[in-house]
Amino acid sequence: MKKIQMEYQNNYIRLNREELVELMHESMSYRRYKHVLRVEQTALYLADKYDIDMEKVSIAALAHDYAKERPDAEMRDLIISENLELDMLQFGSNIWHGPVGAILMKNEYQLENEEILEAIKAHTIGSPTMSEVAQIIYVADYIEPKRSHSGVDKARKLADKDLTKTVSYITRQTLKHLVKRENKIYPKAVETYNAWVVDN
């Protein structure tokens, strides 16, 4: 996969790409930061392939894990103060960091574009309705080059052919994994499954 260079033009965020990259570098561990860069490159490859706004995709990919390593107490406080769905509090930071990250990017960096915010919010459990930008981040986070979990090779092949089928496949694999491990399943993940797997 050749590296795709980006320059921001459309003022979706008050940072240029280099500043956004530096913000992520400062906001997370080096391991998480390298993951974010791989997700961005994977997402840009898919955006180019499917003719989807590459600037929106780049911003969403770079920011998708902005809240991932924030303290649980900080995330809990934001969920309550921002009137997010309180049933999230029964789950952990894997569920919280997407919605909280979207709120932080909006509040701290005046990121207002709904497609980008939705993509950050929904990148872990998806949503019954996802824009193409959100679909790309959901897929790119699952298939970035260092991922090695069961089913990832099939997901990568599917991603080269059909974005919607890839979302469906990833959703099915994620639910199977959670059921197999007897994990508590966030209801929104079931809604994603019903919309993308059962109804497709």
Protein backbone atom coordinates (compact mmCIF):
# COMPACT_ATOMS: atom_id res chain seq x y z
CA MET A 1 0.00 0.00 0.00
CA LYS A 2 1.67 3.23 -1.14
CA LYS A 3 1.72 6.09 1.34
CA ILE A 4 -0.85 8.79 0.57
CA GLN A 5 0.05 12.38 1.49
CA MET A 6 -2.72 14.79 2.48
CA GLU A 7 -3.08 18.54 2.77
CA TYR A 8 -6.26 19.87 4.35
CA GLN A 9 -8.24 22.43 2.33
CA ASN A 10 -11.82 22.55 3.59
CA ASN A 11 -11.54 23.91 7.13
CA TYR A 12 -13.33 21.00 8.80
CA ILE A 13 -10.95 21.52 11.73
CA ARG A 14 -8.78 24.44 12.81
CA LEU A 15 -5.63 22.29 12.62
CA ASN A 16 -3.71 21.30 9.51
CA ARG A 17 -2.77 17.64 9.10
CA GLU A 18 0.71 18.06 10.58
CA GLU A 19 -0.75 19.76 13.66
CA LEU A 20 -3.41 17.06 14.03
CA VAL A 21 -0.75 14.34 13.76
CA GLU A 22 1.34 16.11 16.41
CA LEU A 23 -1.70 16.43 18.69
CA MET A 24 -2.27 12.67 18.49
CA HIS A 25 1.42 12.02 19.08
CA GLU A 26 1.22 14.08 22.30
CA SER A 27 -2.13 12.63 23.42
CA MET A 28 -1.43 8.91 23.44
CA SER A 29 1.20 6.23 23.82
CA TYR A 30 3.62 5.67 20.96
CA ARG A 31 2.03 2.28 20.22
CA ARG A 32 -1.44 3.84 19.95
CA TYR A 33 -0.09 6.70 17.85
CA LYS A 34 1.47 4.29 15.32
CA HIS A 35 -1.86 2.42 15.16
CA VAL A 36 -3.64 5.70 14.39
CA LEU A 37 -1.21 6.44 11.52
CA ARG A 38 -1.77 2.95 10.08
CA VAL A 39 -5.54 3.38 10.31
CA GLU A 40 -5.25 6.71 8.48
CA GLN A 41 -3.25 5.19 5.62
CA THR A 42 -5.63 2.23 5.35
CA ALA A 43 -8.62 4.58 5.41
CA LEU A 44 -7.11 6.87 2.76
CA TYR A 45 -6.47 3.87 0.52
CA LEU A 46 -10.14 2.87 0.85
CA ALA A 47 -11.37 6.46 0.41
CA ASP A 48 -9.37 6.76 -2.79
CA LYS A 49 -10.70 3.42 -4.02
CA TYR A 50 -14.35 4.24 -3.29
CA ASP A 51 -14.16 7.96 -4.16
CA ILE A 52 -15.00 9.23 -0.67
CA ASP A 53 -13.86 12.59 0.77
CA MET A 54 -10.25 11.91 1.74
CA GLU A 55 -9.90 14.91 4.01
CA LYS A 56 -12.88 13.87 6.15
CA VAL A 57 -11.50 10.34 6.24
CA SER A 58 -8.01 11.50 7.27
CA ILE A 59 -9.31 13.66 10.13
CA ALA A 60 -11.63 10.92 11.41
CA ALA A 61 -8.89 8.28 11.21
CA LEU A 62 -6.30 10.39 13.02
CA ALA A 63 -8.79 11.38 15.75
CA HIS A 64 -10.64 8.09 16.17
CA ASP A 65 -8.69 7.02 19.29
CA TYR A 66 -8.17 10.51 20.74
CA ALA A 67 -9.91 9.53 24.00
CA LYS A 68 -8.74 5.91 24.10
CA GLU A 69 -6.16 6.39 26.85
CA ARG A 70 -8.02 9.02 28.90
CA PRO A 71 -8.70 8.06 32.54
CA ASP A 72 -11.99 6.24 33.10
CA ALA A 73 -13.11 8.88 35.61
CA GLU A 74 -12.66 11.66 33.04
CA MET A 75 -14.66 9.71 30.46
CA ARG A 76 -17.44 8.94 32.96
CA ASP A 77 -17.71 12.62 33.87
CA LEU A 78 -17.98 13.62 30.20
CA ILE A 79 -20.65 11.01 29.50
CA ILE A 80 -22.73 12.49 32.32
CA SER A 81 -22.01 16.19 31.70
CA GLU A 82 -22.58 15.92 27.93
CA ASN A 83 -25.82 13.96 28.35
CA LEU A 84 -24.58 10.95 26.40
CA GLU A 85 -26.44 7.66 26.76
CA LEU A 86 -26.06 6.78 30.42
CA ASP A 87 -26.42 3.04 29.80
CA MET A 88 -22.86 3.30 28.45
CA LEU A 89 -21.69 3.60 32.03
CA GLN A 90 -22.44 -0.12 32.55
CA PHE A 91 -19.72 -0.87 30.00
CA GLY A 92 -16.05 0.03 29.74
CA SER A 93 -13.72 2.40 27.96
CA ASN A 94 -13.80 0.30 24.78
CA ILE A 95 -17.38 1.53 24.37
CA TRP A 96 -16.83 5.01 25.83
CA HIS A 97 -13.81 6.26 23.92
CA GLY A 98 -15.54 6.71 20.55
CA PRO A 99 -18.43 8.94 21.72
CA VAL A 100 -16.17 10.73 24.23
CA GLY A 101 -13.51 11.30 21.56
CA ALA A 102 -16.08 12.89 19.26
CA ILE A 103 -17.20 15.23 22.08
CA LEU A 104 -13.60 16.20 22.90
CA MET A 105 -12.73 16.94 19.28
CA LYS A 106 -15.86 19.08 18.96
CA ASN A 107 -15.31 20.96 22.23
CA GLU A 108 -11.55 21.40 22.06
CA TYR A 109 -10.93 21.84 18.31
CA GLN A 110 -14.29 23.07 17.00
CA LEU A 111 -14.71 20.01 14.80
CA GLU A 112 -18.32 20.39 13.65
CA ASN A 113 -18.64 18.16 10.59
CA GLU A 114 -21.25 15.51 11.43
CA GLU A 115 -19.80 12.79 9.17
CA ILE A 116 -16.39 13.06 10.81
CA LEU A 117 -17.85 13.15 14.32
CA GLU A 118 -20.08 10.16 13.54
CA ALA A 119 -17.08 8.20 12.24
CA ILE A 120 -15.12 8.85 15.45
CA LYS A 121 -18.14 8.03 17.61
CA ALA A 122 -19.08 4.79 15.80
CA HIS A 123 -15.69 3.28 14.99
CA THR A 124 -15.84 0.51 17.61
CA ILE A 125 -19.42 -0.78 17.60
CA GLY A 126 -20.74 0.80 14.43
CA SER A 127 -24.25 2.14 14.06
CA PRO A 128 -27.40 0.99 12.24
CA THR A 129 -26.87 3.82 9.75
CA MET A 130 -23.30 4.77 8.91
CA SER A 131 -22.10 7.28 6.33
CA GLU A 132 -19.42 6.11 3.91
CA VAL A 133 -16.84 8.01 5.98
CA ALA A 134 -17.93 6.12 9.12
CA GLN A 135 -17.91 2.81 7.25
CA ILE A 136 -14.34 3.42 6.11
CA ILE A 137 -13.06 4.19 9.63
CA TYR A 138 -14.91 1.15 11.03
CA VAL A 139 -13.29 -1.06 8.39
CA ALA A 140 -9.82 0.54 8.48
CA ASP A 141 -9.58 0.18 12.26
CA TYR A 142 -10.32 -3.55 11.89
CA ILE A 143 -7.98 -4.31 8.97
CA GLU A 144 -4.98 -2.01 9.44
CA PRO A 145 -1.74 -3.85 8.61
CA LYS A 146 -0.71 -4.86 12.14
CA ARG A 147 -4.06 -6.51 12.94
CA SER A 148 -3.76 -10.29 13.09
CA HIS A 149 -7.05 -11.46 14.63
CA SER A 150 -9.19 -14.24 13.19
CA GLY A 151 -10.99 -13.22 10.02
CA VAL A 152 -8.86 -10.17 9.24
CA ASP A 153 -7.46 -11.58 5.98
CA LYS A 154 -10.95 -12.22 4.65
CA ALA A 155 -11.99 -8.71 5.73
CA ARG A 156 -9.02 -7.22 3.84
CA LYS A 157 -9.98 -9.08 0.65
CA LEU A 158 -13.62 -8.04 0.99
CA ALA A 159 -12.61 -4.40 1.58
CA ASP A 160 -11.02 -4.35 -1.88
CA LYS A 161 -14.32 -5.37 -3.47
CA ASP A 162 -17.32 -4.14 -1.49
CA LEU A 163 -17.39 -1.73 1.46
CA THR A 164 -20.91 -2.61 2.61
CA LYS A 165 -20.21 -6.36 2.63
CA THR A 166 -17.03 -5.69 4.61
CA VAL A 167 -18.99 -3.75 7.27
CA SER A 168 -21.43 -6.66 7.46
CA TYR A 169 -18.66 -9.24 7.76
CA ILE A 170 -16.75 -7.28 10.44
CA THR A 171 -19.95 -6.78 12.45
CA ARG A 172 -20.69 -10.50 12.32
CA GLN A 173 -17.13 -11.39 13.35
CA THR A 174 -17.17 -8.93 16.24
CA LEU A 175 -20.45 -10.27 17.65
CA LYS A 176 -19.24 -13.86 17.27
CA HIS A 177 -16.08 -12.97 19.18
CA LEU A 178 -18.01 -11.30 22.01
CA VAL A 179 -20.46 -14.22 22.30
CA LYS A 180 -17.64 -16.77 22.26
CA ARG A 181 -15.93 -14.94 25.13
CA GLU A 182 -19.27 -14.54 26.95
CA ASN A 183 -18.70 -10.78 27.13
CA LYS A 184 -21.45 -8.37 28.02
CA ILE A 185 -22.71 -6.92 24.72
CA TYR A 186 -23.60 -3.25 24.43
CA PRO A 187 -27.13 -3.01 22.95
CA LYS A 188 -26.00 -0.63 20.20
CA ALA A 189 -23.69 -3.37 18.91
CA VAL A 190 -26.75 -5.62 18.52
CA GLU A 191 -28.53 -2.82 16.65
CA THR A 192 -25.54 -2.60 14.29
CA TYR A 193 -25.68 -6.36 13.79
CA ASN A 194 -29.41 -6.31 13.05
CA ALA A 195 -29.02 -3.52 10.51
CA TRP A 196 -25.86 -4.65 8.70
CA VAL A 197 -26.00 -8.45 8.98
CA VAL A 198 -29.62 -9.53 9.43
CA ASP A 199 -31.10 -6.93 7.08
CA ASN A 200 -28.45 -7.31 4.36
